Amino acid sequence: MTRSTTTSTTQATAVHAGRARVLVLRSSGTNCDFEAVRAFELCDAVAERVHTNRLAERPELLDECDVLFLPGGFSHGDYVAAGRVMAAEVRHLLGDRLHRFVANGGYVIGVCNGFQVLVDLGLLEGQGRAAHERRIALAPNHSGRFECRWVHLRSEACAADWLDQGLVWPVPVAHAEGRVALADGALAELEANRQIALRYVAADGSDLETGDAGYPACPNGAVANIAGLCDPTGRVLGLMPHPERNLDPWNHPTWTRLGERTEGEGLAFFRGLVAAARVGR
């Protein structure tokens, strides 16, 4: 028995009506795509894992979604530089289509390796800045090694107003090249444009000392303890920590001592994003 393609498409459209649509882009070495899909599905979004090879065949898939999500991992083994090869893939496959996607109200989110891809693409710089004028980079951790632990973030007052600003939440990190490094004068410009989205803080939400003095609560020595940045629109955002790894109460290593919790704190990140994407397109 065969099904009508028209009927199937119509039924799928009816089921997905009013729900945010998410494309979780994966490549060789991606390893957090399943967790990301689950996070979005818990927030009643329609999420699909799509390999870059499939995107090469159908680049218009981007136009059919509300959110492009670049998950963590070690895409292409992080050869050349972290996220560099996948960024080249995305640049080749999508080109100006990606900029049009954001201009038309789409959201682009990168976590860990995905953040590294966004930085290499220059998407966090905003429109109109040439490659040689880039101000943002992600450098090796000051410790000189891979850092894997739980830290605390604070959502800042920023252009990404879908974040629960002022919220302090625990989240795991796992990276070797996550230190935000900025060109001279860039910090003041990012602050003026409200592009600093997330900072590493103490468990009580207070500011950390900067530089190596903030270690290990700031795992990498990032400028101003920056954990995440957004573009001036607030619709492109990258962060090094992994909210998709804190979806359930028992994900936290000391969950039995944290009192009654119905969900992991990372879920709020996805809930805010899905709500914004649902009304923004």
Protein backbone atom coordinates (compact mmCIF):
# COMPACT_ATOMS: atom_id res chain seq x y z
CA MET A 1 0.00 0.00 0.00
CA THR A 2 1.40 3.38 -0.96
CA ARG A 3 0.65 6.73 0.64
CA SER A 4 -0.04 9.91 -1.22
CA THR A 5 2.89 12.31 -0.91
CA THR A 6 0.47 15.22 -0.92
CA THR A 7 -1.59 13.69 1.88
CA SER A 8 1.49 12.89 3.97
CA THR A 9 2.85 16.42 3.56
CA THR A 10 -0.51 17.95 4.48
CA GLN A 11 -0.80 15.77 7.58
CA ALA A 12 2.76 16.59 8.66
CA THR A 13 2.10 20.30 8.19
CA ALA A 14 -1.03 20.06 10.33
CA VAL A 15 0.83 18.21 13.11
CA HIS A 16 3.70 20.74 13.09
CA ALA A 17 1.52 23.86 12.80
CA GLY A 18 2.46 26.46 15.38
CA ARG A 19 5.52 24.53 16.58
CA ALA A 20 9.06 25.81 16.18
CA ARG A 21 11.07 23.85 13.61
CA VAL A 22 14.71 23.12 14.39
CA LEU A 23 17.48 21.82 12.15
CA VAL A 24 20.26 20.25 14.23
CA LEU A 25 23.24 20.21 11.89
CA ARG A 26 25.80 17.44 12.33
CA SER A 27 29.01 16.44 10.63
CA SER A 28 31.85 13.96 11.16
CA GLY A 29 32.76 14.15 14.85
CA THR A 30 29.56 15.79 16.13
CA ASN A 31 28.55 14.10 19.40
CA CYS A 32 25.81 16.14 21.10
CA ASP A 33 23.16 16.08 18.39
CA PHE A 34 20.88 13.51 20.05
CA GLU A 35 20.86 15.45 23.32
CA ALA A 36 20.03 18.64 21.42
CA VAL A 37 17.10 17.03 19.60
CA ARG A 38 15.73 15.72 22.89
CA ALA A 39 16.04 19.17 24.48
CA PHE A 40 13.99 20.75 21.71
CA GLU A 41 11.40 17.97 21.74
CA LEU A 42 10.93 18.42 25.49
CA CYS A 43 10.01 22.02 24.63
CA ASP A 44 7.46 20.88 22.03
CA ALA A 45 9.56 21.86 19.03
CA VAL A 46 9.99 19.76 15.91
CA ALA A 47 13.70 18.92 15.68
CA GLU A 48 15.59 16.92 13.08
CA ARG A 49 19.22 15.82 12.84
CA VAL A 50 20.57 16.72 9.41
CA HIS A 51 24.03 15.79 8.14
CA THR A 52 25.98 18.34 6.14
CA ASN A 53 25.90 15.92 3.18
CA ARG A 54 22.12 16.13 3.13
CA LEU A 55 22.27 19.90 3.39
CA ALA A 56 24.54 19.86 0.36
CA GLU A 57 21.78 18.08 -1.56
CA ARG A 58 19.00 20.30 -0.22
CA PRO A 59 20.28 23.69 1.04
CA GLU A 60 16.67 24.92 1.04
CA LEU A 61 16.16 22.84 4.21
CA LEU A 62 17.46 25.89 6.07
CA ASP A 63 14.56 27.99 4.79
CA GLU A 64 12.08 25.46 6.18
CA CYS A 65 13.21 25.84 9.80
CA ASP A 66 13.11 28.51 12.50
CA VAL A 67 16.30 27.54 14.32
CA LEU A 68 19.63 26.26 13.03
CA PHE A 69 21.40 24.55 15.91
CA LEU A 70 25.11 23.68 15.75
CA PRO A 71 25.84 21.16 18.53
CA GLY A 72 29.02 20.25 20.34
CA GLY A 73 31.62 17.63 19.56
CA PHE A 74 34.86 17.60 17.62
CA SER A 75 33.77 18.16 14.03
CA HIS A 76 36.31 16.65 11.63
CA GLY A 77 38.55 15.94 14.61
CA ASP A 78 39.10 19.71 15.07
CA TYR A 79 41.98 19.39 12.62
CA VAL A 80 43.46 22.70 11.42
CA ALA A 81 41.59 24.45 14.27
CA ALA A 82 38.50 23.79 16.38
CA GLY A 83 35.41 24.07 14.18
CA ARG A 84 37.41 25.38 11.22
CA VAL A 85 36.56 22.62 8.73
CA MET A 86 32.86 22.56 9.59
CA ALA A 87 32.74 26.34 9.27
CA ALA A 88 34.20 25.99 5.78
CA GLU A 89 31.52 23.38 5.00
CA VAL A 90 28.71 25.64 6.18
CA ARG A 91 30.15 28.64 4.36
CA HIS A 92 30.37 26.64 1.12
CA LEU A 93 26.93 25.01 1.45
CA LEU A 94 24.90 28.00 2.58
CA GLY A 95 26.84 31.16 1.71
CA ASP A 96 24.61 34.23 1.81
CA ARG A 97 21.57 32.05 2.50
CA LEU A 98 22.64 31.90 6.15
CA HIS A 99 22.80 35.69 6.46
CA ARG A 100 19.37 35.98 4.82
CA PHE A 101 18.04 33.40 7.25
CA VAL A 102 19.04 35.56 10.22
CA ALA A 103 17.87 38.77 8.53
CA ASN A 104 14.46 37.15 8.02
CA GLY A 105 14.08 36.30 11.70
CA GLY A 106 15.79 32.91 11.96
CA TYR A 107 17.87 31.87 14.97
CA VAL A 108 21.35 30.34 14.80
CA ILE A 109 22.70 28.80 18.00
CA GLY A 110 26.09 27.17 18.52
CA VAL A 111 27.15 25.21 21.60
CA CYS A 112 30.83 24.43 22.29
CA ASN A 113 32.09 23.22 18.89
CA GLY A 114 29.09 25.00 17.39
CA PHE A 115 30.23 28.23 19.06
CA GLN A 116 33.66 27.72 17.52
CA VAL A 117 32.00 27.32 14.11
CA LEU A 118 30.00 30.54 14.58
CA VAL A 119 33.13 32.47 15.51
CA ASP A 120 34.98 31.15 12.45
CA LEU A 121 32.02 32.10 10.25
CA GLY A 122 32.03 35.63 11.67
CA LEU A 123 28.29 35.47 12.40
CA LEU A 124 28.69 36.92 15.88
CA GLU A 125 30.40 40.00 14.49
CA GLY A 126 27.22 41.30 12.87
CA GLN A 127 26.72 42.25 9.25
CA GLY A 128 29.23 44.20 7.21
CA ARG A 129 32.49 43.38 8.97
CA ALA A 130 35.25 42.02 6.73
CA ALA A 131 37.21 38.91 7.70
CA HIS A 132 40.37 40.90 8.43
CA GLU A 133 38.38 43.10 10.84
CA ARG A 134 37.28 40.22 13.07
CA ARG A 135 37.37 41.01 16.78
CA ILE A 136 36.37 37.68 18.35
CA ALA A 137 38.34 34.44 18.66
CA LEU A 138 38.24 31.28 20.75
CA ALA A 139 41.71 30.34 21.96
CA PRO A 140 43.17 27.39 23.92
CA ASN A 141 42.35 27.28 27.61
CA HIS A 142 44.87 29.03 29.82
CA SER A 143 45.40 25.75 31.68
CA GLY A 144 46.75 24.21 28.48
CA ARG A 145 44.48 21.19 28.80
CA PHE A 146 40.98 19.87 28.24
CA GLU A 147 38.64 21.12 30.99
CA CYS A 148 35.62 19.01 31.94
CA ARG A 149 33.58 20.05 34.99
CA TRP A 150 30.39 21.74 36.14
CA VAL A 151 30.36 25.53 36.38
CA HIS A 152 27.80 28.27 36.96
CA LEU A 153 26.54 30.75 34.38
CA ARG A 154 24.68 34.01 34.71
CA SER A 155 22.45 35.18 31.89
CA GLU A 156 23.27 38.85 31.26
CA ALA A 157 21.12 41.76 30.08
CA CYS A 158 21.80 41.38 26.38
CA ALA A 159 20.28 41.58 22.91
CA ALA A 160 19.16 37.94 23.24
CA ASP A 161 16.16 38.93 25.35
CA TRP A 162 14.77 35.39 25.12
CA LEU A 163 17.29 34.40 27.80
CA ASP A 164 16.05 34.49 31.40
CA GLN A 165 18.27 37.43 32.26
CA GLY A 166 19.81 37.41 35.72
CA LEU A 167 19.32 33.66 36.08
CA VAL A 168 22.23 31.74 37.64
CA TRP A 169 22.36 28.10 36.59
CA PRO A 170 24.72 25.10 36.72
CA VAL A 171 25.96 23.60 33.48
CA PRO A 172 28.82 21.32 32.38
CA VAL A 173 31.76 22.37 30.22
CA ALA A 174 34.01 20.11 28.15
CA HIS A 175 36.51 21.86 25.90
CA ALA A 176 40.16 22.59 25.25
CA GLU A 177 39.74 25.73 23.12
CA GLY A 178 37.04 27.80 24.77
CA ARG A 179 38.78 30.95 25.92
CA VAL A 180 37.08 34.05 24.50
CA ALA A 181 39.82 36.38 23.23
CA LEU A 182 39.05 39.85 21.89
CA ALA A 183 40.81 42.46 19.81
CA ASP A 184 41.74 45.78 21.42
CA GLY A 185 38.64 47.85 22.13
CA ALA A 186 36.27 44.99 21.32
CA LEU A 187 35.10 44.42 24.89
CA ALA A 188 33.69 47.94 25.21
CA GLU A 189 32.02 47.60 21.82
CA LEU A 190 30.44 44.26 22.71
CA GLU A 191 29.17 45.69 25.98
CA ALA A 192 27.71 48.74 24.22
CA ASN A 193 25.96 46.48 21.69
CA ARG A 194 24.64 44.22 24.48
CA GLN A 195 26.38 41.20 22.97
CA ILE A 196 27.72 39.62 26.16
CA ALA A 197 25.06 37.00 26.81
CA LEU A 198 26.52 34.70 29.47
CA ARG A 199 29.32 34.87 32.04
CA TYR A 200 30.98 32.36 34.31
CA VAL A 201 30.15 33.28 37.92
CA ALA A 202 30.41 31.87 41.43
CA ALA A 203 27.68 29.50 42.64
CA ASP A 204 25.93 32.39 44.41
CA GLY A 205 25.90 34.44 41.19
CA SER A 206 28.63 36.86 42.23
CA ASP A 207 31.33 37.97 39.81
CA LEU A 208 34.59 36.06 39.61
CA GLU A 209 38.03 37.57 39.52
CA THR A 210 39.25 37.86 35.95
CA GLY A 211 42.04 35.93 34.28
CA ASP A 212 43.62 32.91 35.92
CA ALA A 213 42.37 34.07 39.33
CA GLY A 214 38.86 32.97 38.33
CA TYR A 215 39.94 29.37 37.66
CA PRO A 216 38.42 26.78 37.92
CA ALA A 217 34.99 28.45 38.13
CA CYS A 218 35.95 30.11 34.85
CA PRO A 219 37.52 27.07 33.17
CA ASN A 220 39.45 28.76 30.40
CA GLY A 221 40.58 32.29 31.36
CA ALA A 222 38.13 34.05 29.03
CA VAL A 223 38.19 37.84 28.81
CA ALA A 224 35.75 39.23 31.39
CA ASN A 225 34.74 35.63 32.20
CA ILE A 226 32.62 35.52 29.03
CA ALA A 227 30.92 32.16 28.43
CA GLY A 228 28.59 33.18 25.60
CA LEU A 229 28.12 35.93 23.04
CA CYS A 230 25.29 36.97 20.74
CA ASP A 231 25.18 39.13 17.64
CA PRO A 232 23.55 42.60 17.77
CA THR A 233 20.15 41.12 16.80
CA GLY A 234 20.16 38.57 19.62
CA ARG A 235 19.21 35.84 17.15
CA VAL A 236 22.72 34.42 16.73
CA LEU A 237 24.20 33.11 19.97
CA GLY A 238 27.13 30.91 20.87
CA LEU A 239 28.25 29.51 24.21
CA MET A 240 30.92 27.07 25.35
CA PRO A 241 28.98 25.25 28.14
CA HIS A 242 26.47 22.50 27.34
CA PRO A 243 22.86 23.22 28.45
CA GLU A 244 21.70 20.10 26.56
CA ARG A 245 23.61 18.00 29.11
CA ASN A 246 21.50 19.29 32.01
CA LEU A 247 17.92 18.46 31.05
CA ASP A 248 16.95 16.11 33.89
CA PRO A 249 17.32 16.60 37.65
CA TRP A 250 19.70 13.63 37.92
CA ASN A 251 22.14 15.01 35.33
CA HIS A 252 23.83 17.10 38.03
CA PRO A 253 26.56 15.16 39.87
CA THR A 254 25.21 16.19 43.31
CA TRP A 255 21.52 16.08 42.41
CA THR A 256 20.55 14.14 45.54
CA ARG A 257 21.66 17.09 47.68
CA LEU A 258 20.00 19.85 45.66
CA GLY A 259 16.47 19.40 46.95
CA GLU A 260 13.42 18.65 44.87
CA ARG A 261 13.82 19.64 41.20
CA THR A 262 11.50 18.64 38.37
CA GLU A 263 13.97 19.30 35.54
CA GLY A 264 17.56 20.20 34.79
CA GLU A 265 18.35 23.90 34.67
CA GLY A 266 19.57 23.70 31.07
CA LEU A 267 16.03 23.12 29.82
CA ALA A 268 15.10 26.77 30.48
CA PHE A 269 17.63 27.82 27.82
CA PHE A 270 15.84 25.78 25.17
CA ARG A 271 12.37 26.74 26.38
CA GLY A 272 13.16 30.45 25.96
CA LEU A 273 14.67 29.88 22.53
CA VAL A 274 11.71 27.83 21.29
CA ALA A 275 9.21 30.39 22.56
CA ALA A 276 11.06 33.19 20.77
CA ALA A 277 11.39 31.21 17.54
CA ARG A 278 7.71 30.30 17.55
CA VAL A 279 6.60 33.94 17.45
CA GLY A 280 9.53 35.42 15.55
CA ARG A 281 9.00 34.03 12.06
